[in-house]
N, C-alpha and C. Protein backbone atom coordinates (compact mmCIF):
# COMPACT_ATOMS: atom_id res chain seq x y z
N UNK A 1 0.83 -1.19 0.00
CA UNK A 1 0.00 0.00 0.00
C UNK A 1 0.88 1.26 0.00
N UNK A 2 1.93 1.29 0.82
CA UNK A 2 2.80 2.46 0.83
C UNK A 2 3.53 2.61 -0.49
N UNK A 3 3.75 1.49 -1.18
CA UNK A 3 4.42 1.59 -2.47
C UNK A 3 3.58 2.38 -3.48
N UNK A 4 2.28 2.35 -3.29
CA UNK A 4 1.40 3.12 -4.16
C UNK A 4 1.60 4.63 -3.99
N UNK A 5 2.13 5.04 -2.84
CA UNK A 5 2.32 6.46 -2.55
C UNK A 5 3.71 6.95 -2.91
N UNK A 6 4.61 6.04 -3.24
CA UNK A 6 5.99 6.41 -3.53
C UNK A 6 6.04 7.40 -4.69
N UNK A 7 6.75 8.48 -4.47
CA UNK A 7 6.91 9.50 -5.48
C UNK A 7 5.80 10.52 -5.53
N UNK A 8 4.79 10.34 -4.72
CA UNK A 8 3.67 11.29 -4.69
C UNK A 8 3.91 12.34 -3.63
N UNK A 9 3.38 13.50 -3.85
CA UNK A 9 3.49 14.60 -2.89
C UNK A 9 2.21 14.69 -2.08
N UNK A 10 2.35 14.80 -0.75
CA UNK A 10 1.18 14.96 0.11
C UNK A 10 0.70 16.40 -0.04
N UNK A 11 -0.55 16.57 -0.40
CA UNK A 11 -1.10 17.90 -0.58
C UNK A 11 -2.09 18.28 0.50
N UNK A 12 -2.56 17.30 1.23
CA UNK A 12 -3.60 17.60 2.21
C UNK A 12 -3.65 16.48 3.25
N UNK A 13 -3.82 16.86 4.50
CA UNK A 13 -4.07 15.91 5.58
C UNK A 13 -5.35 16.36 6.26
N UNK A 14 -6.28 15.46 6.41
CA UNK A 14 -7.54 15.78 7.07
C UNK A 14 -7.51 15.27 8.50
N UNK A 15 -8.00 16.07 9.40
CA UNK A 15 -8.13 15.68 10.80
C UNK A 15 -9.61 15.58 11.12
N UNK A 16 -9.93 14.71 12.03
CA UNK A 16 -11.35 14.58 12.38
C UNK A 16 -11.81 15.68 13.35
N UNK A 17 -10.90 16.44 13.89
CA UNK A 17 -11.17 17.56 14.80
C UNK A 17 -11.85 17.11 16.10
N UNK A 18 -11.88 15.85 16.37
CA UNK A 18 -12.44 15.33 17.61
C UNK A 18 -11.34 15.18 18.63
N UNK A 19 -10.91 16.26 19.20
CA UNK A 19 -9.80 16.30 20.16
C UNK A 19 -8.47 15.91 19.52
N UNK A 20 -8.34 16.12 18.22
CA UNK A 20 -7.08 15.90 17.53
C UNK A 20 -6.22 17.16 17.62
N UNK A 21 -6.86 18.30 17.42
CA UNK A 21 -6.16 19.58 17.43
C UNK A 21 -6.46 20.42 18.66
N UNK A 22 -7.54 20.09 19.32
CA UNK A 22 -7.94 20.88 20.49
C UNK A 22 -8.56 19.98 21.53
N UNK A 23 -8.82 20.60 22.68
CA UNK A 23 -9.49 19.90 23.76
C UNK A 23 -10.58 20.81 24.33
N UNK A 24 -11.42 20.24 25.13
CA UNK A 24 -12.51 21.02 25.75
C UNK A 24 -11.99 21.76 26.97
N UNK A 25 -12.35 23.02 27.12
CA UNK A 25 -12.05 23.77 28.34
C UNK A 25 -12.98 23.27 29.44
N UNK A 26 -12.52 23.37 30.69
CA UNK A 26 -13.43 23.00 31.77
C UNK A 26 -14.49 24.08 31.91
N UNK A 27 -15.60 23.72 32.50
CA UNK A 27 -16.76 24.61 32.57
C UNK A 27 -16.45 25.91 33.29
N UNK A 28 -15.63 25.88 34.32
CA UNK A 28 -15.26 27.11 35.03
C UNK A 28 -14.51 28.08 34.13
N UNK A 29 -13.62 27.56 33.30
CA UNK A 29 -12.87 28.42 32.37
C UNK A 29 -13.81 29.06 31.35
N UNK A 30 -14.77 28.29 30.87
CA UNK A 30 -15.74 28.81 29.91
C UNK A 30 -16.56 29.94 30.54
N UNK A 31 -17.02 29.72 31.76
CA UNK A 31 -17.82 30.75 32.43
C UNK A 31 -16.98 31.99 32.76
N UNK A 32 -15.69 31.81 33.00
CA UNK A 32 -14.80 32.96 33.22
C UNK A 32 -14.70 33.80 31.95
N UNK A 33 -14.58 33.15 30.81
CA UNK A 33 -14.53 33.86 29.52
C UNK A 33 -15.82 34.65 29.30
N UNK A 34 -16.95 34.00 29.52
CA UNK A 34 -18.25 34.65 29.31
C UNK A 34 -18.44 35.79 30.31
N UNK A 35 -18.01 35.59 31.55
CA UNK A 35 -18.10 36.65 32.55
C UNK A 35 -17.36 37.89 32.09
N UNK A 36 -16.11 37.72 31.70
CA UNK A 36 -15.30 38.86 31.29
C UNK A 36 -15.89 39.55 30.06
N UNK A 37 -16.34 38.76 29.09
CA UNK A 37 -16.89 39.35 27.88
C UNK A 37 -18.23 40.05 28.14
N UNK A 38 -19.12 39.39 28.89
CA UNK A 38 -20.44 39.95 29.16
C UNK A 38 -20.38 41.22 30.00
N UNK A 39 -19.64 41.15 31.10
CA UNK A 39 -19.52 42.34 31.96
C UNK A 39 -18.76 43.44 31.23
N UNK A 40 -17.75 43.07 30.45
CA UNK A 40 -17.01 44.06 29.67
C UNK A 40 -17.91 44.77 28.66
N UNK A 41 -18.75 44.00 27.98
CA UNK A 41 -19.69 44.59 27.02
C UNK A 41 -20.64 45.54 27.74
N UNK A 42 -21.22 45.07 28.82
CA UNK A 42 -22.18 45.89 29.57
C UNK A 42 -21.53 47.16 30.07
N UNK A 43 -20.33 47.05 30.63
CA UNK A 43 -19.63 48.23 31.15
C UNK A 43 -19.31 49.25 30.07
N UNK A 44 -19.15 48.76 28.84
CA UNK A 44 -18.89 49.68 27.73
C UNK A 44 -20.08 50.57 27.40
N UNK A 45 -21.25 50.23 27.95
CA UNK A 45 -22.47 50.99 27.70
C UNK A 45 -23.01 51.67 28.95
N UNK A 46 -22.22 51.65 30.01
CA UNK A 46 -22.64 52.27 31.28
C UNK A 46 -21.70 53.39 31.65
N UNK A 47 -22.22 54.34 32.39
CA UNK A 47 -21.39 55.41 32.93
C UNK A 47 -20.46 54.80 33.99
N UNK A 48 -19.30 55.42 34.21
CA UNK A 48 -18.34 54.85 35.16
C UNK A 48 -18.93 54.49 36.54
N UNK A 49 -19.82 55.31 37.05
CA UNK A 49 -20.37 55.06 38.38
C UNK A 49 -21.31 53.85 38.41
N UNK A 50 -21.80 53.42 37.25
CA UNK A 50 -22.74 52.31 37.18
C UNK A 50 -22.08 50.97 36.82
N UNK A 51 -20.81 51.00 36.45
CA UNK A 51 -20.14 49.81 35.95
C UNK A 51 -20.01 48.72 37.01
N UNK A 52 -20.10 47.49 36.52
CA UNK A 52 -19.96 46.32 37.38
C UNK A 52 -18.51 45.86 37.42
N UNK A 53 -18.10 45.28 38.52
CA UNK A 53 -16.77 44.69 38.59
C UNK A 53 -16.77 43.42 37.75
N UNK A 54 -15.63 43.14 37.12
CA UNK A 54 -15.52 41.93 36.30
C UNK A 54 -15.22 40.74 37.20
N UNK A 55 -16.22 40.37 37.96
CA UNK A 55 -16.07 39.26 38.89
C UNK A 55 -17.18 38.24 38.67
N UNK A 56 -16.94 37.05 39.16
CA UNK A 56 -17.96 36.01 39.09
C UNK A 56 -19.20 36.44 39.84
N UNK A 57 -19.03 37.15 40.96
CA UNK A 57 -20.17 37.60 41.76
C UNK A 57 -21.06 38.55 40.93
N UNK A 58 -20.46 39.50 40.23
CA UNK A 58 -21.23 40.41 39.39
C UNK A 58 -21.95 39.65 38.29
N UNK A 59 -21.25 38.69 37.69
CA UNK A 59 -21.85 37.88 36.63
C UNK A 59 -23.02 37.08 37.18
N UNK A 60 -22.84 36.48 38.34
CA UNK A 60 -23.92 35.68 38.94
C UNK A 60 -25.13 36.55 39.26
N UNK A 61 -24.90 37.78 39.71
CA UNK A 61 -26.00 38.70 39.99
C UNK A 61 -26.74 39.06 38.68
N UNK A 62 -25.97 39.33 37.63
CA UNK A 62 -26.57 39.65 36.33
C UNK A 62 -27.35 38.44 35.81
N UNK A 63 -26.76 37.27 35.87
CA UNK A 63 -27.41 36.05 35.40
C UNK A 63 -28.68 35.78 36.21
N UNK A 64 -28.62 35.93 37.53
CA UNK A 64 -29.79 35.69 38.38
C UNK A 64 -30.91 36.68 38.05
N UNK A 65 -30.55 37.95 37.80
CA UNK A 65 -31.56 38.95 37.47
C UNK A 65 -32.23 38.61 36.13
N UNK A 66 -31.44 38.17 35.15
CA UNK A 66 -32.02 37.79 33.85
C UNK A 66 -32.87 36.53 34.01
N UNK A 67 -32.36 35.55 34.76
CA UNK A 67 -33.12 34.31 35.00
C UNK A 67 -34.46 34.58 35.68
N UNK A 68 -34.48 35.57 36.57
CA UNK A 68 -35.73 35.90 37.27
C UNK A 68 -36.78 36.43 36.29
N UNK A 69 -36.34 37.08 35.24
CA UNK A 69 -37.27 37.64 34.26
C UNK A 69 -37.67 36.61 33.19
N UNK A 70 -36.72 35.77 32.80
CA UNK A 70 -36.97 34.76 31.76
C UNK A 70 -36.06 33.57 32.03
N UNK A 71 -36.52 32.59 32.81
CA UNK A 71 -35.68 31.48 33.23
C UNK A 71 -35.06 30.66 32.09
N UNK A 72 -35.66 30.69 30.92
CA UNK A 72 -35.14 29.90 29.81
C UNK A 72 -34.20 30.69 28.90
N UNK A 73 -34.10 31.99 29.10
CA UNK A 73 -33.38 32.84 28.17
C UNK A 73 -31.89 32.49 28.08
N UNK A 74 -31.19 32.50 29.20
CA UNK A 74 -29.76 32.22 29.16
C UNK A 74 -29.48 30.78 28.76
N UNK A 75 -30.33 29.87 29.22
CA UNK A 75 -30.17 28.47 28.84
C UNK A 75 -30.28 28.33 27.32
N UNK A 76 -31.19 29.08 26.73
CA UNK A 76 -31.37 29.04 25.29
C UNK A 76 -30.15 29.58 24.57
N UNK A 77 -29.64 30.73 24.99
CA UNK A 77 -28.49 31.30 24.27
C UNK A 77 -27.22 30.51 24.53
N UNK A 78 -27.10 29.87 25.68
CA UNK A 78 -25.91 29.05 25.94
C UNK A 78 -25.82 27.88 24.98
N UNK A 79 -26.96 27.36 24.56
CA UNK A 79 -26.96 26.16 23.74
C UNK A 79 -27.32 26.41 22.29
N UNK A 80 -27.40 27.66 21.89
CA UNK A 80 -27.69 28.00 20.51
C UNK A 80 -26.36 28.24 19.81
N UNK A 81 -26.10 27.48 18.77
CA UNK A 81 -24.83 27.64 18.06
C UNK A 81 -24.95 28.60 16.88
N UNK A 82 -26.16 28.84 16.42
CA UNK A 82 -26.35 29.76 15.32
C UNK A 82 -26.43 31.18 15.84
N UNK A 83 -25.94 32.12 15.03
CA UNK A 83 -26.08 33.52 15.40
C UNK A 83 -27.53 33.91 15.19
N UNK A 84 -28.18 34.30 16.25
CA UNK A 84 -29.58 34.71 16.16
C UNK A 84 -29.74 36.08 16.80
N UNK A 85 -30.72 36.79 16.34
CA UNK A 85 -31.02 38.09 16.92
C UNK A 85 -32.04 37.89 18.03
N UNK A 86 -31.79 38.53 19.16
CA UNK A 86 -32.70 38.39 20.29
C UNK A 86 -34.06 38.98 19.93
N UNK A 87 -35.09 38.35 20.44
CA UNK A 87 -36.45 38.83 20.19
C UNK A 87 -36.73 40.03 21.10
N UNK A 88 -37.73 40.82 20.76
CA UNK A 88 -38.10 41.95 21.62
C UNK A 88 -38.42 41.53 23.05
N UNK A 89 -39.06 40.37 23.23
CA UNK A 89 -39.38 39.94 24.59
C UNK A 89 -38.12 39.57 25.37
N UNK A 90 -37.12 39.04 24.67
CA UNK A 90 -35.86 38.70 25.34
C UNK A 90 -35.10 39.96 25.76
N UNK A 91 -35.05 40.95 24.85
CA UNK A 91 -34.35 42.18 25.22
C UNK A 91 -35.11 42.93 26.29
N UNK A 92 -36.43 42.84 26.29
CA UNK A 92 -37.23 43.47 27.36
C UNK A 92 -36.93 42.82 28.70
N UNK A 93 -36.74 41.49 28.70
CA UNK A 93 -36.39 40.79 29.94
C UNK A 93 -35.04 41.28 30.46
N UNK A 94 -34.09 41.51 29.55
CA UNK A 94 -32.78 42.03 29.95
C UNK A 94 -32.91 43.45 30.49
N UNK A 95 -33.73 44.27 29.84
CA UNK A 95 -33.94 45.64 30.34
C UNK A 95 -34.51 45.62 31.76
N UNK A 96 -35.49 44.76 31.99
CA UNK A 96 -36.08 44.65 33.33
C UNK A 96 -35.06 44.14 34.34
N UNK A 97 -34.23 43.19 33.93
CA UNK A 97 -33.21 42.65 34.83
C UNK A 97 -32.20 43.73 35.22
N UNK A 98 -31.81 44.54 34.26
CA UNK A 98 -30.87 45.62 34.54
C UNK A 98 -31.50 46.63 35.49
N UNK A 99 -32.78 46.91 35.30
CA UNK A 99 -33.49 47.82 36.20
C UNK A 99 -33.51 47.25 37.62
N UNK A 100 -33.70 45.93 37.75
CA UNK A 100 -33.69 45.30 39.07
C UNK A 100 -32.33 45.42 39.75
N UNK A 101 -31.28 45.57 38.95
CA UNK A 101 -29.93 45.76 39.50
C UNK A 101 -29.60 47.24 39.67
N UNK A 102 -30.63 48.09 39.52
CA UNK A 102 -30.47 49.55 39.62
C UNK A 102 -29.50 50.11 38.59
N UNK A 103 -29.52 49.51 37.40
CA UNK A 103 -28.69 49.99 36.31
C UNK A 103 -29.58 50.74 35.33
N UNK A 104 -29.00 51.66 34.57
CA UNK A 104 -29.79 52.44 33.61
C UNK A 104 -30.42 51.56 32.54
N UNK A 105 -31.53 52.05 31.99
CA UNK A 105 -32.22 51.34 30.90
C UNK A 105 -31.38 51.47 29.63
N UNK A 106 -31.13 50.35 29.00
CA UNK A 106 -30.39 50.33 27.75
C UNK A 106 -31.35 49.99 26.61
N UNK A 107 -31.03 50.45 25.40
CA UNK A 107 -31.92 50.20 24.26
C UNK A 107 -31.91 48.72 23.86
N UNK A 108 -32.86 48.36 23.02
CA UNK A 108 -33.01 46.96 22.60
C UNK A 108 -31.77 46.43 21.89
N UNK A 109 -31.14 47.25 21.06
CA UNK A 109 -29.95 46.82 20.33
C UNK A 109 -28.82 46.48 21.30
N UNK A 110 -28.63 47.31 22.31
CA UNK A 110 -27.58 47.07 23.29
C UNK A 110 -27.89 45.82 24.11
N UNK A 111 -29.14 45.64 24.49
CA UNK A 111 -29.53 44.44 25.25
C UNK A 111 -29.35 43.18 24.41
N UNK A 112 -29.63 43.28 23.13
CA UNK A 112 -29.40 42.16 22.23
C UNK A 112 -27.90 41.86 22.14
N UNK A 113 -27.09 42.90 22.09
CA UNK A 113 -25.64 42.74 22.08
C UNK A 113 -25.12 42.10 23.35
N UNK A 114 -25.73 42.45 24.48
CA UNK A 114 -25.35 41.84 25.75
C UNK A 114 -25.65 40.34 25.73
N UNK A 115 -26.81 39.97 25.23
CA UNK A 115 -27.15 38.55 25.12
C UNK A 115 -26.15 37.82 24.22
N UNK A 116 -25.75 38.46 23.15
CA UNK A 116 -24.75 37.84 22.25
C UNK A 116 -23.41 37.70 22.97
N UNK A 117 -23.04 38.70 23.78
CA UNK A 117 -21.79 38.63 24.53
C UNK A 117 -21.82 37.49 25.56
N UNK A 118 -23.01 37.19 26.06
CA UNK A 118 -23.16 36.12 27.05
C UNK A 118 -23.27 34.73 26.41
N UNK A 119 -23.42 34.69 25.10
CA UNK A 119 -23.55 33.41 24.40
C UNK A 119 -22.23 32.64 24.48
N UNK A 120 -22.32 31.37 24.82
CA UNK A 120 -21.13 30.51 24.85
C UNK A 120 -20.99 29.88 23.48
N UNK A 121 -19.91 30.24 22.79
CA UNK A 121 -19.70 29.73 21.43
C UNK A 121 -18.83 28.47 21.46
N UNK A 122 -18.75 27.83 20.33
CA UNK A 122 -17.88 26.65 20.22
C UNK A 122 -16.43 27.01 20.53
N UNK A 123 -15.99 28.17 20.08
CA UNK A 123 -14.60 28.55 20.33
C UNK A 123 -14.35 28.87 21.79
N UNK A 124 -15.38 29.28 22.53
CA UNK A 124 -15.23 29.49 23.97
C UNK A 124 -14.97 28.16 24.67
N UNK A 125 -15.58 27.11 24.16
CA UNK A 125 -15.50 25.80 24.81
C UNK A 125 -14.23 25.04 24.49
N UNK A 126 -13.54 25.41 23.43
CA UNK A 126 -12.39 24.64 22.97
C UNK A 126 -11.11 25.45 23.03
N UNK A 127 -10.01 24.77 23.26
CA UNK A 127 -8.70 25.41 23.26
C UNK A 127 -7.75 24.49 22.47
N UNK A 128 -6.94 25.12 21.62
CA UNK A 128 -5.98 24.35 20.85
C UNK A 128 -4.90 23.78 21.77
N UNK A 129 -4.42 22.61 21.44
CA UNK A 129 -3.27 22.06 22.16
C UNK A 129 -2.07 22.97 21.93
N UNK A 130 -1.14 23.00 22.88
CA UNK A 130 0.02 23.89 22.78
C UNK A 130 0.83 23.69 21.51
N UNK A 131 0.90 22.47 21.02
CA UNK A 131 1.74 22.19 19.86
C UNK A 131 0.97 22.12 18.54
N UNK A 132 -0.28 22.54 18.53
CA UNK A 132 -1.08 22.45 17.30
C UNK A 132 -0.48 23.28 16.16
N UNK A 133 -0.17 24.53 16.43
CA UNK A 133 0.37 25.40 15.37
C UNK A 133 1.70 24.87 14.85
N UNK A 134 2.60 24.53 15.76
CA UNK A 134 3.91 24.04 15.31
C UNK A 134 3.78 22.72 14.55
N UNK A 135 2.86 21.87 14.97
CA UNK A 135 2.65 20.61 14.26
C UNK A 135 2.13 20.86 12.86
N UNK A 136 1.16 21.74 12.72
CA UNK A 136 0.60 22.03 11.39
C UNK A 136 1.64 22.70 10.48
N UNK A 137 2.47 23.54 11.05
CA UNK A 137 3.54 24.19 10.27
C UNK A 137 4.55 23.14 9.80
N UNK A 138 4.89 22.24 10.69
CA UNK A 138 5.83 21.17 10.33
C UNK A 138 5.23 20.27 9.25
N UNK A 139 3.98 19.93 9.37
CA UNK A 139 3.33 19.09 8.37
C UNK A 139 3.23 19.79 7.02
N UNK A 140 3.12 21.11 7.07
CA UNK A 140 2.99 21.86 5.83
C UNK A 140 4.26 21.72 5.02
């Protein structure tokens, strides 16, 4: 079988991508990424005196306030892999949650952006192995 390949040039190697090039991050690391991104996004739309600390506690308070308004909302965006635009009822739930945290009312577009920032994507869940880039360069 290898004799059939003699003299041929390898032009492509396919990987199954099932933990060949990357591995899954642990759940705490994923939530840390989402915390930083979500609170960072929100703080970018708040006055300095209203900004939340980039801590797990702030994230948990924000998540609890949103869950109180729409218990399925965050669960839905966590498990949605397609980019979707938040519905008016979802952004209204976020507006109410922010009000419950004594934060200023933000427009629907900003609330939709916050939901997108809180979405856990495939890339949030996965991390490349340390030697992936060097291995692919060597194979090239």
